[in-house]
């Protein structure tokens, strides 16, 4: 679809772009999403903040499952879509990246600045004293506390946990904060039922206010946490472009929607808009060649319509 790439290149090539990314951008790095084509049905509901903080056994279950699932997240590397976004950012066309993902792959690909709306799985915080440590350090401590703890992992959820039999969970030992001695450790991510810190949200709104274009990549916009930025852009009359596999809850506000694999479309878009700007010198994987995506869906939606903030 050459016309699709041309239309995207014209919009993105004018600069002033703020990217809002979701789980669909990381599926080609081996991290599934919940709602896209690679999403796997989960038998249990995600852990909520309220349950995690109030129920000792629920915390044990979370950390046992997450301890195994973390290995997949830790091994994941940026894909061609992440690297293309970083190229566009280095070229000055993308002003900032707001990501709903907790995998840190935008930063690993070389993007900066990146606002990690929901935090990062590779960081851990003590809920009692506030001390922050790395997930790598916690992983080492959990391995020492649980020698031989292993189980077959069939699928990893986007938030880094796995399904695990109760018998396996029961023998798992949770560790406390080493700084204060007794504090409860939690991954420094926003759980369901928890709110994103207000200053972080305000910063994201400020980025959207100053944007010329909001480019949504790989998000179904199902939850308000990310959709609110689309609604605000629409309210301000800022064009919204959505690239995602499948329909989203923001399609009605978009000037253009494209249904295509991001790992193919974004490198083609970067090639078209910035040409031969080199890829991240730290990347060990060759960039994918340009490909022509399918499924462009122009939408004559209410781009400037009033919407809730």
Protein backbone atom coordinates (compact mmCIF):
# COMPACT_ATOMS: atom_id res chain seq x y z
CA UNK A 1 0.00 0.00 0.00
CA UNK A 2 2.25 2.75 -1.27
CA UNK A 3 -0.49 5.32 -0.80
CA UNK A 4 -0.69 4.41 2.90
CA UNK A 5 3.03 4.96 3.44
CA UNK A 6 2.84 8.22 1.50
CA UNK A 7 -0.05 9.47 3.64
CA UNK A 8 1.73 8.53 6.87
CA UNK A 9 5.03 10.01 5.69
CA UNK A 10 3.33 13.29 4.87
CA UNK A 11 1.80 13.49 8.35
CA UNK A 12 4.83 12.30 10.31
CA UNK A 13 7.36 14.08 8.11
CA UNK A 14 6.06 17.48 9.23
CA UNK A 15 7.37 16.73 12.75
CA UNK A 16 5.90 17.60 16.12
CA UNK A 17 4.80 13.99 16.65
CA UNK A 18 4.05 12.46 20.04
CA UNK A 19 3.88 8.65 20.02
CA UNK A 20 1.50 6.74 22.29
CA UNK A 21 2.44 3.06 22.21
CA UNK A 22 0.85 -0.09 23.57
CA UNK A 23 1.44 -3.81 23.89
CA UNK A 24 0.99 -4.43 20.15
CA UNK A 25 4.37 -2.83 19.49
CA UNK A 26 6.15 -5.44 21.64
CA UNK A 27 4.51 -8.61 20.30
CA UNK A 28 7.28 -9.04 17.71
CA UNK A 29 9.74 -9.04 20.62
CA UNK A 30 8.02 -12.13 21.99
CA UNK A 31 5.80 -10.38 24.54
CA UNK A 32 2.11 -11.13 23.89
CA UNK A 33 -0.66 -8.61 24.29
CA UNK A 34 -4.10 -9.20 25.78
CA UNK A 35 -6.35 -8.11 22.97
CA UNK A 36 -4.44 -8.24 19.66
CA UNK A 37 -3.89 -11.17 17.31
CA UNK A 38 -1.21 -12.68 19.58
CA UNK A 39 -3.17 -12.21 22.79
CA UNK A 40 -3.71 -15.33 24.86
CA UNK A 41 -6.77 -15.80 27.02
CA UNK A 42 -5.94 -15.72 30.70
CA UNK A 43 -7.71 -18.01 33.16
CA UNK A 44 -7.28 -15.63 36.06
CA UNK A 45 -7.88 -11.92 36.36
CA UNK A 46 -4.79 -9.70 36.66
CA UNK A 47 -3.51 -8.92 40.13
CA UNK A 48 -5.03 -5.76 41.58
CA UNK A 49 -3.21 -3.33 43.83
CA UNK A 50 -5.74 -3.84 46.60
CA UNK A 51 -5.32 -7.63 46.60
CA UNK A 52 -1.53 -7.41 46.37
CA UNK A 53 -1.24 -5.09 49.37
CA UNK A 54 -3.80 -6.82 51.61
CA UNK A 55 -3.32 -10.54 50.97
CA UNK A 56 -0.04 -12.26 51.87
CA UNK A 57 -0.91 -15.40 49.89
CA UNK A 58 -1.87 -13.32 46.86
CA UNK A 59 1.58 -11.69 46.98
CA UNK A 60 3.18 -15.11 47.17
CA UNK A 61 1.19 -16.19 44.12
CA UNK A 62 2.14 -13.05 42.22
CA UNK A 63 5.86 -13.28 42.93
CA UNK A 64 6.01 -17.03 42.21
CA UNK A 65 4.35 -16.56 38.83
CA UNK A 66 6.22 -13.37 38.02
CA UNK A 67 9.56 -14.90 39.01
CA UNK A 68 9.21 -17.39 36.16
CA UNK A 69 7.61 -15.03 33.67
CA UNK A 70 10.22 -12.33 34.25
CA UNK A 71 12.79 -14.42 32.39
CA UNK A 72 10.91 -13.92 29.12
CA UNK A 73 10.61 -10.16 29.68
CA UNK A 74 14.28 -9.88 30.63
CA UNK A 75 15.38 -11.67 27.46
CA UNK A 76 13.20 -9.59 25.15
CA UNK A 77 15.01 -7.24 22.78
CA UNK A 78 13.71 -4.24 20.83
CA UNK A 79 12.22 -5.14 17.48
CA UNK A 80 12.26 -3.27 14.18
CA UNK A 81 9.24 -1.22 15.22
CA UNK A 82 10.95 0.08 18.37
CA UNK A 83 14.09 0.89 16.40
CA UNK A 84 12.12 2.73 13.73
CA UNK A 85 10.49 4.92 16.39
CA UNK A 86 13.95 5.69 17.79
CA UNK A 87 15.15 6.65 14.29
CA UNK A 88 12.22 9.02 13.86
CA UNK A 89 12.96 10.51 17.26
CA UNK A 90 16.66 11.03 16.53
CA UNK A 91 15.67 12.70 13.27
CA UNK A 92 13.64 15.23 15.24
CA UNK A 93 10.26 14.18 13.87
CA UNK A 94 9.04 12.47 17.06
CA UNK A 95 9.20 14.80 20.04
CA UNK A 96 8.46 12.24 22.76
CA UNK A 97 7.20 8.71 23.36
CA UNK A 98 4.47 7.89 25.88
CA UNK A 99 4.29 4.14 26.36
CA UNK A 100 1.75 2.03 28.20
CA UNK A 101 4.22 -0.86 28.13
CA UNK A 102 6.32 -1.87 31.13
CA UNK A 103 9.05 -3.73 29.21
CA UNK A 104 11.55 -0.87 28.76
CA UNK A 105 12.07 -1.71 25.08
CA UNK A 106 11.65 1.84 23.77
CA UNK A 107 14.56 2.99 25.93
CA UNK A 108 16.61 -0.08 24.99
CA UNK A 109 16.07 0.81 21.32
CA UNK A 110 17.50 4.28 21.87
CA UNK A 111 14.39 6.43 22.24
CA UNK A 112 14.58 9.47 24.52
CA UNK A 113 12.66 10.99 26.11
CA UNK A 114 10.27 8.17 26.97
CA UNK A 115 7.47 8.54 29.49
CA UNK A 116 6.71 5.10 30.89
CA UNK A 117 3.13 5.69 31.89
CA UNK A 118 2.71 2.45 33.85
CA UNK A 119 6.28 2.12 35.13
CA UNK A 120 8.84 -0.60 34.40
CA UNK A 121 9.01 -4.26 35.36
CA UNK A 122 12.79 -4.12 35.73
CA UNK A 123 12.48 -1.83 38.75
CA UNK A 124 11.22 -2.75 42.23
CA UNK A 125 9.98 -0.47 45.02
CA UNK A 126 9.42 -1.07 48.74
CA UNK A 127 5.89 -0.06 49.73
CA UNK A 128 7.02 0.66 53.30
CA UNK A 129 10.22 2.71 52.98
CA UNK A 130 10.12 3.66 49.28
CA UNK A 131 13.58 2.26 48.50
CA UNK A 132 14.05 1.31 44.85
CA UNK A 133 16.14 -1.57 43.57
CA UNK A 134 16.63 -3.37 40.28
CA UNK A 135 14.62 -6.42 39.28
CA UNK A 136 17.91 -8.11 38.46
CA UNK A 137 18.96 -7.83 42.10
CA UNK A 138 15.58 -9.12 43.30
CA UNK A 139 15.76 -12.00 40.83
CA UNK A 140 19.13 -13.02 42.30
CA UNK A 141 17.70 -12.95 45.84
CA UNK A 142 14.62 -14.94 44.84
CA UNK A 143 16.76 -17.58 43.15
CA UNK A 144 18.84 -17.92 46.33
CA UNK A 145 15.70 -18.16 48.48
CA UNK A 146 14.08 -20.72 46.15
CA UNK A 147 16.78 -23.12 44.92
CA UNK A 148 15.48 -25.49 42.29
CA UNK A 149 12.22 -23.60 41.84
CA UNK A 150 11.27 -24.13 38.25
CA UNK A 151 8.24 -25.08 36.24
CA UNK A 152 7.31 -25.44 32.61
CA UNK A 153 6.10 -22.12 31.24
CA UNK A 154 3.62 -22.42 28.38
CA UNK A 155 2.75 -18.75 28.00
CA UNK A 156 3.75 -15.44 29.53
CA UNK A 157 1.26 -12.61 30.02
CA UNK A 158 2.10 -9.04 28.95
CA UNK A 159 2.59 -8.00 32.57
CA UNK A 160 5.23 -10.70 32.99
CA UNK A 161 3.47 -13.42 34.97
CA UNK A 162 2.51 -16.99 34.09
CA UNK A 163 -0.08 -19.55 35.07
CA UNK A 164 1.24 -21.77 37.86
CA UNK A 165 -0.30 -24.67 39.84
CA UNK A 166 -1.20 -23.94 43.45
CA UNK A 167 1.21 -26.63 44.66
CA UNK A 168 4.10 -24.79 43.04
CA UNK A 169 2.99 -21.46 44.48
CA UNK A 170 2.73 -22.90 47.99
CA UNK A 171 6.43 -23.78 48.14
CA UNK A 172 7.63 -20.39 46.92
CA UNK A 173 9.38 -18.11 49.42
CA UNK A 174 8.94 -14.33 49.11
CA UNK A 175 11.71 -11.98 50.27
CA UNK A 176 11.39 -8.58 51.96
CA UNK A 177 13.15 -5.25 51.44
CA UNK A 178 16.84 -5.38 52.37
CA UNK A 179 16.94 -1.65 53.10
CA UNK A 180 14.33 -1.48 55.88
CA UNK A 181 14.35 -5.20 56.65
CA UNK A 182 10.62 -5.96 56.61
CA UNK A 183 9.08 -3.89 53.82
CA UNK A 184 6.80 -5.33 51.13
CA UNK A 185 8.35 -5.33 47.65
CA UNK A 186 6.32 -4.57 44.55
CA UNK A 187 7.36 -4.19 40.91
CA UNK A 188 7.43 -0.47 40.15
CA UNK A 189 4.48 -0.70 37.78
CA UNK A 190 0.89 0.48 38.01
CA UNK A 191 -1.37 -2.44 38.91
CA UNK A 192 -5.05 -2.68 38.06
CA UNK A 193 -6.91 -0.64 40.65
CA UNK A 194 -3.93 1.66 41.13
CA UNK A 195 -3.70 5.16 39.68
CA UNK A 196 -0.90 6.55 37.56
CA UNK A 197 0.95 9.26 39.52
CA UNK A 198 -0.74 12.61 38.84
CA UNK A 199 2.48 14.45 37.86
CA UNK A 200 3.19 11.80 35.23
CA UNK A 201 -0.29 12.12 33.77
CA UNK A 202 -0.02 15.92 33.75
CA UNK A 203 3.31 15.70 31.92
CA UNK A 204 1.75 13.44 29.27
CA UNK A 205 -1.15 15.85 28.78
CA UNK A 206 1.36 18.66 28.37
CA UNK A 207 3.18 16.69 25.67
CA UNK A 208 -0.12 16.10 23.86
CA UNK A 209 -1.06 19.77 24.12
CA UNK A 210 2.19 20.76 22.40
CA UNK A 211 2.00 18.05 19.72
CA UNK A 212 1.18 18.62 16.09
CA UNK A 213 0.18 14.95 15.68
CA UNK A 214 -0.60 12.10 18.09
CA UNK A 215 0.56 8.77 16.63
CA UNK A 216 -0.90 5.71 18.38
CA UNK A 217 1.07 2.50 17.84
CA UNK A 218 -0.14 -0.95 18.86
CA UNK A 219 -2.81 -0.02 21.39
CA UNK A 220 -6.46 -1.07 21.40
CA UNK A 221 -7.15 1.97 23.63
CA UNK A 222 -9.49 -0.21 25.65
CA UNK A 223 -8.62 1.33 29.01
CA UNK A 224 -8.93 5.01 29.81
CA UNK A 225 -5.32 5.23 30.98
CA UNK A 226 -4.18 5.60 27.37
CA UNK A 227 -7.41 6.55 25.62
CA UNK A 228 -7.67 9.81 27.55
CA UNK A 229 -4.78 11.23 25.53
CA UNK A 230 -6.61 10.49 22.28
CA UNK A 231 -9.72 12.14 23.67
CA UNK A 232 -7.73 15.20 24.71
CA UNK A 233 -6.05 15.46 21.31
CA UNK A 234 -9.43 15.26 19.60
CA UNK A 235 -10.84 17.92 21.90
CA UNK A 236 -7.94 20.22 21.00
CA UNK A 237 -8.24 19.52 17.28
CA UNK A 238 -4.86 17.74 17.14
CA UNK A 239 -4.90 15.04 14.42
CA UNK A 240 -4.73 11.44 15.64
CA UNK A 241 -3.31 8.59 13.56
CA UNK A 242 -3.73 5.00 14.80
CA UNK A 243 -1.64 2.05 13.60
CA UNK A 244 -2.82 -1.19 15.15
CA UNK A 245 -3.77 -4.74 14.20
CA UNK A 246 -7.49 -4.70 14.76
CA UNK A 247 -10.01 -2.03 15.64
CA UNK A 248 -9.52 0.28 18.61
CA UNK A 249 -11.78 2.34 20.84
CA UNK A 250 -10.17 5.46 19.44
CA UNK A 251 -10.89 4.84 15.75
CA UNK A 252 -13.79 7.30 15.73
CA UNK A 253 -11.41 10.12 16.68
CA UNK A 254 -8.71 9.29 14.14
CA UNK A 255 -7.93 11.12 10.93
CA UNK A 256 -6.34 7.89 9.64
CA UNK A 257 -6.23 4.29 10.88
CA UNK A 258 -3.92 1.61 9.52
CA UNK A 259 -4.25 -2.10 10.22
CA UNK A 260 -0.75 -3.53 9.71
CA UNK A 261 2.16 -5.23 11.55
CA UNK A 262 4.18 -2.46 13.15
CA UNK A 263 7.49 -4.24 12.70
CA UNK A 264 7.02 -3.96 8.94
CA UNK A 265 5.22 -0.66 8.61
CA UNK A 266 7.35 1.51 10.90
CA UNK A 267 10.72 0.77 9.25
CA UNK A 268 9.10 1.53 5.88
CA UNK A 269 7.75 4.79 7.29
CA UNK A 270 11.16 5.74 8.69
CA UNK A 271 12.84 4.95 5.37
CA UNK A 272 10.32 7.08 3.52
CA UNK A 273 10.56 10.09 5.84
CA UNK A 274 14.22 10.21 6.86
CA UNK A 275 16.00 8.05 4.31
CA UNK A 276 19.46 6.85 5.28
CA UNK A 277 19.73 8.10 8.85
CA UNK A 278 21.64 5.21 10.50
CA UNK A 279 19.98 2.84 12.92
CA UNK A 280 20.99 2.77 16.58
CA UNK A 281 24.72 1.92 16.57
CA UNK A 282 24.19 -0.28 19.62
CA UNK A 283 21.73 -2.52 17.79
CA UNK A 284 23.04 -5.93 16.82
CA UNK A 285 20.11 -6.86 14.60
CA UNK A 286 19.83 -5.61 11.01
CA UNK A 287 16.89 -3.38 10.25
CA UNK A 288 14.07 -5.00 8.29
CA UNK A 289 13.67 -3.86 4.74
CA UNK A 290 10.67 -1.74 3.78
CA UNK A 291 7.41 -3.57 3.30
CA UNK A 292 4.07 -2.43 2.08
CA UNK A 293 1.37 -2.88 4.74
CA UNK A 294 -2.21 -3.73 4.09
CA UNK A 295 -5.43 -2.48 5.56
CA UNK A 296 -5.35 1.31 5.60
CA UNK A 297 -8.71 2.61 6.79
CA UNK A 298 -9.24 6.35 6.44
CA UNK A 299 -11.83 7.41 8.97
CA UNK A 300 -13.98 10.49 8.62
CA UNK A 301 -14.44 10.66 12.38
CA UNK A 302 -15.09 13.66 14.60
CA UNK A 303 -11.45 14.72 14.85
CA UNK A 304 -12.29 18.04 16.43
CA UNK A 305 -15.29 16.87 18.41
CA UNK A 306 -15.52 17.64 22.10
CA UNK A 307 -14.56 14.74 24.33
CA UNK A 308 -14.02 14.06 27.96
CA UNK A 309 -10.57 15.00 29.23
